[in-house]
Protein backbone atom coordinates (compact mmCIF):
# COMPACT_ATOMS: atom_id res chain seq x y z
CA UNK A 1 13.04 -4.86 20.49
CA UNK A 2 11.88 -6.52 17.29
CA UNK A 3 14.01 -6.43 14.19
CA UNK A 4 12.85 -4.26 11.27
CA UNK A 5 12.46 -7.37 9.13
CA UNK A 6 10.07 -8.93 11.64
CA UNK A 7 7.99 -5.74 11.76
CA UNK A 8 7.90 -5.58 7.96
CA UNK A 9 6.79 -9.22 7.70
CA UNK A 10 4.12 -8.65 10.32
CA UNK A 11 2.78 -5.53 8.64
CA UNK A 12 2.83 -7.25 5.26
CA UNK A 13 0.94 -10.23 6.65
CA UNK A 14 -1.74 -8.03 8.19
CA UNK A 15 -2.10 -6.06 4.95
CA UNK A 16 -2.43 -9.28 2.94
CA UNK A 17 -5.14 -10.68 5.24
CA UNK A 18 -7.11 -7.41 5.17
CA UNK A 19 -6.79 -7.24 1.38
CA UNK A 20 -8.09 -10.78 0.97
CA UNK A 21 -10.99 -10.41 3.43
CA UNK A 22 -12.16 -6.91 2.49
CA UNK A 23 -14.24 -7.99 -0.55
CA UNK A 24 -16.47 -10.06 1.74
CA UNK A 25 -17.84 -6.85 3.34
CA UNK A 26 -17.94 -4.49 0.37
CA UNK A 27 -21.05 -3.60 -1.58
CA UNK A 28 -21.04 -4.46 -5.31
CA UNK A 29 -20.32 -0.85 -6.28
CA UNK A 30 -17.43 -0.55 -3.83
CA UNK A 31 -16.12 -3.95 -4.92
CA UNK A 32 -15.94 -2.69 -8.50
CA UNK A 33 -13.93 0.35 -7.40
CA UNK A 34 -11.70 -1.88 -5.24
CA UNK A 35 -11.05 -4.24 -8.16
CA UNK A 36 -10.26 -1.44 -10.61
CA UNK A 37 -7.93 0.22 -8.11
CA UNK A 38 -6.09 -3.10 -7.73
CA UNK A 39 -5.77 -3.51 -11.49
CA UNK A 40 -4.45 0.02 -11.92
CA UNK A 41 -2.02 -0.48 -9.04
CA UNK A 42 -0.63 -3.69 -10.54
CA UNK A 43 -0.19 -1.99 -13.91
CA UNK A 44 1.49 1.07 -12.42
CA UNK A 45 3.83 -0.96 -10.20
CA UNK A 46 4.83 -3.20 -13.10
CA UNK A 47 5.52 -0.21 -15.33
CA UNK A 48 7.46 1.48 -12.55
CA UNK A 49 9.63 -1.59 -12.06
CA UNK A 50 10.24 -2.00 -15.77
CA UNK A 51 11.05 1.62 -16.54
CA UNK A 52 12.58 2.65 -13.22
CA UNK A 53 14.84 -0.23 -12.26
CA UNK A 54 15.41 -1.92 -15.62
CA UNK A 55 15.49 1.30 -17.65
CA UNK A 56 13.50 -0.26 -20.47
CA UNK A 57 10.64 1.35 -22.35
CA UNK A 58 7.95 -1.15 -23.27
CA UNK A 59 4.57 -0.67 -24.88
CA UNK A 60 3.68 -4.33 -24.47
CA UNK A 61 2.24 -3.78 -21.02
CA UNK A 62 0.02 -0.97 -22.27
CA UNK A 63 -1.16 -3.15 -25.15
CA UNK A 64 -2.14 -6.02 -22.82
CA UNK A 65 -3.92 -3.56 -20.52
CA UNK A 66 -5.81 -2.07 -23.49
CA UNK A 67 -6.79 -5.50 -24.80
CA UNK A 68 -8.14 -6.41 -21.38
CA UNK A 69 -10.20 -3.20 -21.33
């Protein structure tokens, strides 16, 4: 039986490969949605880490996101 760490690494590797190759088959409209979903996910995960684990409130991330918009 495989260890949980080996299964996690395998699943993470498959997810990374699919994520990197998926834009090659998407239409331009779907690629735009895919890109925006990725940007929102990165912003939400970063904010979750900062406020959840560190317990800090920061508006700097929102400002950088707004400037990029």
